[in-house]
Amino acid sequence: MLKTTLLDGIKPAAFDKQITTNLLLENTTADVVRMEKLLIGVRNEDGDIYRLIGATKHNSFTNAVEELEDLELVDELGDVEGTVEGCDAIFSEA
């Protein structure tokens, strides 16, 4: 199961309910999510990362990425090697 957290003080995106509906997520603390092997960030309309999703296995990470792409969100790190802002993928509206 993927772990997730909302980051304190940052407004969730209008499309956040679609994410929580389509992905099987376990809510936990930011510290616990950051301990996962692979991290996905989700940006709100202001361009701030408001949600972190952590995956232990690459398979879970890939499934989460595919689900987010199905919601027509775009991974801005698609061609980037390594991490940005601590995330392996960062999704936002196109």
N, C-alpha and C. Protein backbone atom coordinates (compact mmCIF):
# COMPACT_ATOMS: atom_id res chain seq x y z
N MET A 1 0.84 -1.19 0.00
CA MET A 1 0.00 0.00 0.00
C MET A 1 0.88 1.25 0.00
N LEU A 2 0.44 2.27 -0.70
CA LEU A 2 1.15 3.53 -0.75
C LEU A 2 0.83 4.34 0.50
N LYS A 3 1.83 5.06 0.99
CA LYS A 3 1.62 5.94 2.14
C LYS A 3 1.52 7.37 1.63
N THR A 4 0.72 8.18 2.29
CA THR A 4 0.57 9.56 1.85
C THR A 4 0.37 10.50 3.02
N THR A 5 0.64 11.77 2.77
CA THR A 5 0.39 12.81 3.76
C THR A 5 0.13 14.13 3.04
N LEU A 6 -0.68 14.95 3.65
CA LEU A 6 -0.84 16.33 3.20
C LEU A 6 0.19 17.15 3.96
N LEU A 7 0.86 18.06 3.29
CA LEU A 7 1.87 18.89 3.95
C LEU A 7 1.18 20.06 4.65
N ASP A 8 1.59 20.30 5.88
CA ASP A 8 0.96 21.33 6.71
C ASP A 8 1.03 22.70 6.07
N GLY A 9 -0.09 23.41 6.12
CA GLY A 9 -0.13 24.79 5.70
C GLY A 9 -0.17 25.01 4.20
N ILE A 10 -0.28 23.95 3.41
CA ILE A 10 -0.32 24.10 1.96
C ILE A 10 -1.68 23.62 1.47
N LYS A 11 -2.33 24.46 0.68
CA LYS A 11 -3.69 24.19 0.22
C LYS A 11 -3.71 23.03 -0.77
N PRO A 12 -4.56 22.02 -0.53
CA PRO A 12 -4.69 20.92 -1.50
C PRO A 12 -5.26 21.41 -2.83
N ALA A 13 -4.91 20.73 -3.89
CA ALA A 13 -5.41 21.07 -5.22
C ALA A 13 -6.89 20.71 -5.32
N ALA A 14 -7.57 21.37 -6.24
CA ALA A 14 -8.99 21.12 -6.46
C ALA A 14 -9.23 19.67 -6.89
N PHE A 15 -8.23 19.05 -7.55
CA PHE A 15 -8.38 17.67 -8.04
C PHE A 15 -7.95 16.62 -7.02
N ASP A 16 -7.65 17.02 -5.79
CA ASP A 16 -7.11 16.07 -4.80
C ASP A 16 -8.04 14.90 -4.53
N LYS A 17 -9.35 15.14 -4.51
CA LYS A 17 -10.29 14.05 -4.22
C LYS A 17 -10.17 12.94 -5.26
N GLN A 18 -9.89 13.28 -6.51
CA GLN A 18 -9.70 12.26 -7.54
C GLN A 18 -8.50 11.36 -7.20
N ILE A 19 -7.46 11.96 -6.65
CA ILE A 19 -6.26 11.18 -6.29
C ILE A 19 -6.61 10.20 -5.18
N THR A 20 -7.26 10.70 -4.14
CA THR A 20 -7.56 9.84 -3.00
C THR A 20 -8.61 8.78 -3.35
N THR A 21 -9.42 9.05 -4.37
CA THR A 21 -10.41 8.07 -4.82
C THR A 21 -9.76 6.98 -5.68
N ASN A 22 -8.83 7.36 -6.54
CA ASN A 22 -8.26 6.41 -7.50
C ASN A 22 -7.08 5.60 -6.98
N LEU A 23 -6.39 6.11 -5.98
CA LEU A 23 -5.22 5.39 -5.44
C LEU A 23 -5.55 4.83 -4.07
N LEU A 24 -5.03 3.65 -3.80
CA LEU A 24 -5.18 3.05 -2.48
C LEU A 24 -4.09 3.64 -1.59
N LEU A 25 -4.47 4.54 -0.70
CA LEU A 25 -3.50 5.30 0.09
C LEU A 25 -3.74 5.10 1.57
N GLU A 26 -2.64 5.01 2.31
CA GLU A 26 -2.70 4.96 3.77
C GLU A 26 -2.20 6.31 4.28
N ASN A 27 -3.05 7.04 4.99
CA ASN A 27 -2.65 8.34 5.54
C ASN A 27 -1.72 8.14 6.72
N THR A 28 -0.65 8.91 6.75
CA THR A 28 0.31 8.83 7.84
C THR A 28 1.02 10.17 7.95
N THR A 29 2.11 10.23 8.70
CA THR A 29 2.82 11.50 8.88
C THR A 29 3.84 11.73 7.76
N ALA A 30 4.23 12.97 7.58
CA ALA A 30 5.22 13.32 6.56
C ALA A 30 6.53 12.58 6.81
N ASP A 31 6.93 12.44 8.07
CA ASP A 31 8.19 11.75 8.38
C ASP A 31 8.16 10.29 7.93
N VAL A 32 7.01 9.63 8.13
CA VAL A 32 6.88 8.23 7.72
C VAL A 32 6.90 8.12 6.20
N VAL A 33 6.19 9.00 5.51
CA VAL A 33 6.15 8.97 4.05
C VAL A 33 7.55 9.18 3.49
N ARG A 34 8.30 10.12 4.06
CA ARG A 34 9.65 10.42 3.55
C ARG A 34 10.62 9.26 3.73
N MET A 35 10.30 8.29 4.58
CA MET A 35 11.17 7.12 4.76
C MET A 35 10.97 6.07 3.66
N GLU A 36 9.93 6.22 2.85
CA GLU A 36 9.69 5.28 1.76
C GLU A 36 10.78 5.43 0.70
N LYS A 37 10.99 4.36 -0.06
CA LYS A 37 12.07 4.33 -1.04
C LYS A 37 11.86 5.32 -2.19
N LEU A 38 10.62 5.45 -2.66
CA LEU A 38 10.31 6.32 -3.80
C LEU A 38 9.23 7.31 -3.41
N LEU A 39 9.42 8.57 -3.78
CA LEU A 39 8.47 9.61 -3.41
C LEU A 39 7.86 10.29 -4.62
N ILE A 40 6.56 10.53 -4.54
CA ILE A 40 5.84 11.29 -5.56
C ILE A 40 5.29 12.53 -4.88
N GLY A 41 5.54 13.69 -5.48
CA GLY A 41 4.97 14.93 -5.00
C GLY A 41 3.81 15.33 -5.90
N VAL A 42 2.82 16.01 -5.33
CA VAL A 42 1.71 16.52 -6.13
C VAL A 42 1.61 18.02 -5.88
N ARG A 43 1.60 18.79 -6.95
CA ARG A 43 1.53 20.25 -6.84
C ARG A 43 0.08 20.75 -6.92
N ASN A 44 -0.20 21.81 -6.18
CA ASN A 44 -1.51 22.46 -6.28
C ASN A 44 -1.46 23.52 -7.39
N GLU A 45 -2.54 24.26 -7.53
CA GLU A 45 -2.63 25.26 -8.59
C GLU A 45 -1.63 26.40 -8.41
N ASP A 46 -1.12 26.58 -7.20
CA ASP A 46 -0.12 27.63 -6.94
C ASP A 46 1.30 27.15 -7.24
N GLY A 47 1.44 25.87 -7.61
CA GLY A 47 2.76 25.32 -7.90
C GLY A 47 3.49 24.78 -6.68
N ASP A 48 2.80 24.67 -5.54
CA ASP A 48 3.42 24.15 -4.32
C ASP A 48 3.11 22.67 -4.17
N ILE A 49 4.10 21.91 -3.72
CA ILE A 49 3.85 20.49 -3.41
C ILE A 49 3.06 20.44 -2.11
N TYR A 50 1.85 19.87 -2.19
CA TYR A 50 0.98 19.81 -1.01
C TYR A 50 0.77 18.38 -0.52
N ARG A 51 1.01 17.39 -1.39
CA ARG A 51 0.81 15.99 -1.01
C ARG A 51 2.06 15.21 -1.39
N LEU A 52 2.48 14.33 -0.47
CA LEU A 52 3.55 13.38 -0.76
C LEU A 52 2.96 11.98 -0.75
N ILE A 53 3.38 11.17 -1.71
CA ILE A 53 2.98 9.77 -1.78
C ILE A 53 4.27 8.96 -1.79
N GLY A 54 4.36 8.00 -0.89
CA GLY A 54 5.57 7.18 -0.79
C GLY A 54 5.29 5.74 -1.17
N ALA A 55 6.23 5.16 -1.91
CA ALA A 55 6.11 3.76 -2.33
C ALA A 55 7.36 3.00 -1.89
N THR A 56 7.15 1.78 -1.37
CA THR A 56 8.27 0.95 -0.95
C THR A 56 8.86 0.22 -2.15
N LYS A 57 7.99 -0.27 -3.04
CA LYS A 57 8.44 -1.06 -4.19
C LYS A 57 8.29 -0.28 -5.48
N HIS A 58 9.19 -0.55 -6.42
CA HIS A 58 9.15 0.15 -7.71
C HIS A 58 7.84 -0.14 -8.43
N ASN A 59 7.32 -1.35 -8.27
CA ASN A 59 6.05 -1.74 -8.88
C ASN A 59 4.91 -0.84 -8.40
N SER A 60 4.85 -0.61 -7.10
CA SER A 60 3.81 0.26 -6.52
C SER A 60 3.96 1.69 -7.04
N PHE A 61 5.22 2.15 -7.13
CA PHE A 61 5.51 3.48 -7.65
C PHE A 61 5.00 3.61 -9.09
N THR A 62 5.33 2.62 -9.91
CA THR A 62 4.92 2.64 -11.32
C THR A 62 3.40 2.64 -11.44
N ASN A 63 2.72 1.83 -10.63
CA ASN A 63 1.26 1.80 -10.65
C ASN A 63 0.67 3.16 -10.27
N ALA A 64 1.26 3.80 -9.25
CA ALA A 64 0.78 5.12 -8.82
C ALA A 64 0.97 6.14 -9.92
N VAL A 65 2.13 6.11 -10.58
CA VAL A 65 2.41 7.03 -11.68
C VAL A 65 1.38 6.85 -12.80
N GLU A 66 1.09 5.60 -13.13
CA GLU A 66 0.10 5.32 -14.19
C GLU A 66 -1.28 5.84 -13.81
N GLU A 67 -1.68 5.66 -12.55
CA GLU A 67 -2.98 6.16 -12.09
C GLU A 67 -3.05 7.68 -12.17
N LEU A 68 -1.97 8.35 -11.77
CA LEU A 68 -1.95 9.81 -11.82
C LEU A 68 -1.98 10.30 -13.26
N GLU A 69 -1.30 9.58 -14.15
CA GLU A 69 -1.34 9.94 -15.58
C GLU A 69 -2.75 9.74 -16.13
N ASP A 70 -3.44 8.69 -15.65
CA ASP A 70 -4.83 8.45 -16.07
C ASP A 70 -5.75 9.61 -15.67
N LEU A 71 -5.38 10.32 -14.60
CA LEU A 71 -6.15 11.49 -14.15
C LEU A 71 -5.75 12.74 -14.95
N GLU A 72 -4.94 12.52 -15.98
CA GLU A 72 -4.45 13.59 -16.86
C GLU A 72 -3.54 14.57 -16.14
N LEU A 73 -2.86 14.08 -15.10
CA LEU A 73 -1.82 14.87 -14.46
C LEU A 73 -0.51 14.57 -15.18
N VAL A 74 0.42 15.52 -15.12
CA VAL A 74 1.67 15.42 -15.86
C VAL A 74 2.84 15.32 -14.90
N ASP A 75 3.75 14.37 -15.15
CA ASP A 75 4.96 14.23 -14.35
C ASP A 75 6.02 15.16 -14.93
N GLU A 76 6.31 16.23 -14.19
CA GLU A 76 7.29 17.20 -14.70
C GLU A 76 8.71 16.66 -14.66
N LEU A 77 8.93 15.53 -14.01
CA LEU A 77 10.27 14.95 -13.94
C LEU A 77 10.45 13.79 -14.92
N GLY A 78 9.54 13.68 -15.88
CA GLY A 78 9.58 12.58 -16.83
C GLY A 78 10.95 12.32 -17.45
N ASP A 79 11.69 13.37 -17.79
CA ASP A 79 12.98 13.21 -18.45
C ASP A 79 14.16 13.53 -17.54
N VAL A 80 13.90 13.72 -16.26
CA VAL A 80 14.95 14.13 -15.32
C VAL A 80 15.55 12.92 -14.63
N GLU A 81 16.88 12.88 -14.57
CA GLU A 81 17.56 11.83 -13.80
C GLU A 81 17.67 12.30 -12.35
N GLY A 82 17.45 11.41 -11.42
CA GLY A 82 17.57 11.76 -10.01
C GLY A 82 16.30 12.39 -9.47
N THR A 83 16.43 13.06 -8.33
CA THR A 83 15.26 13.62 -7.66
C THR A 83 15.26 15.15 -7.73
N VAL A 84 14.08 15.72 -7.61
CA VAL A 84 13.91 17.17 -7.52
C VAL A 84 13.03 17.43 -6.30
N GLU A 85 13.47 18.34 -5.45
CA GLU A 85 12.74 18.64 -4.21
C GLU A 85 12.50 17.36 -3.41
N GLY A 86 13.42 16.41 -3.52
CA GLY A 86 13.31 15.15 -2.78
C GLY A 86 12.36 14.14 -3.38
N CYS A 87 11.79 14.43 -4.54
CA CYS A 87 10.80 13.54 -5.15
C CYS A 87 11.34 12.87 -6.41
N ASP A 88 10.88 11.64 -6.63
CA ASP A 88 11.24 10.90 -7.84
C ASP A 88 10.30 11.23 -8.99
N ALA A 89 9.13 11.76 -8.67
CA ALA A 89 8.14 12.21 -9.66
C ALA A 89 7.37 13.34 -9.01
N ILE A 90 7.01 14.35 -9.81
CA ILE A 90 6.17 15.44 -9.32
C ILE A 90 5.07 15.67 -10.33
N PHE A 91 3.84 15.49 -9.86
CA PHE A 91 2.68 15.61 -10.74
C PHE A 91 1.93 16.92 -10.52
N SER A 92 1.41 17.45 -11.60
CA SER A 92 0.57 18.65 -11.55
C SER A 92 -0.33 18.66 -12.76
N GLU A 93 -1.28 19.58 -12.76
CA GLU A 93 -2.14 19.72 -13.94
C GLU A 93 -1.31 20.30 -15.07
N ALA A 94 -1.62 19.89 -16.28
CA ALA A 94 -0.85 20.36 -17.45
C ALA A 94 -1.08 21.85 -17.68
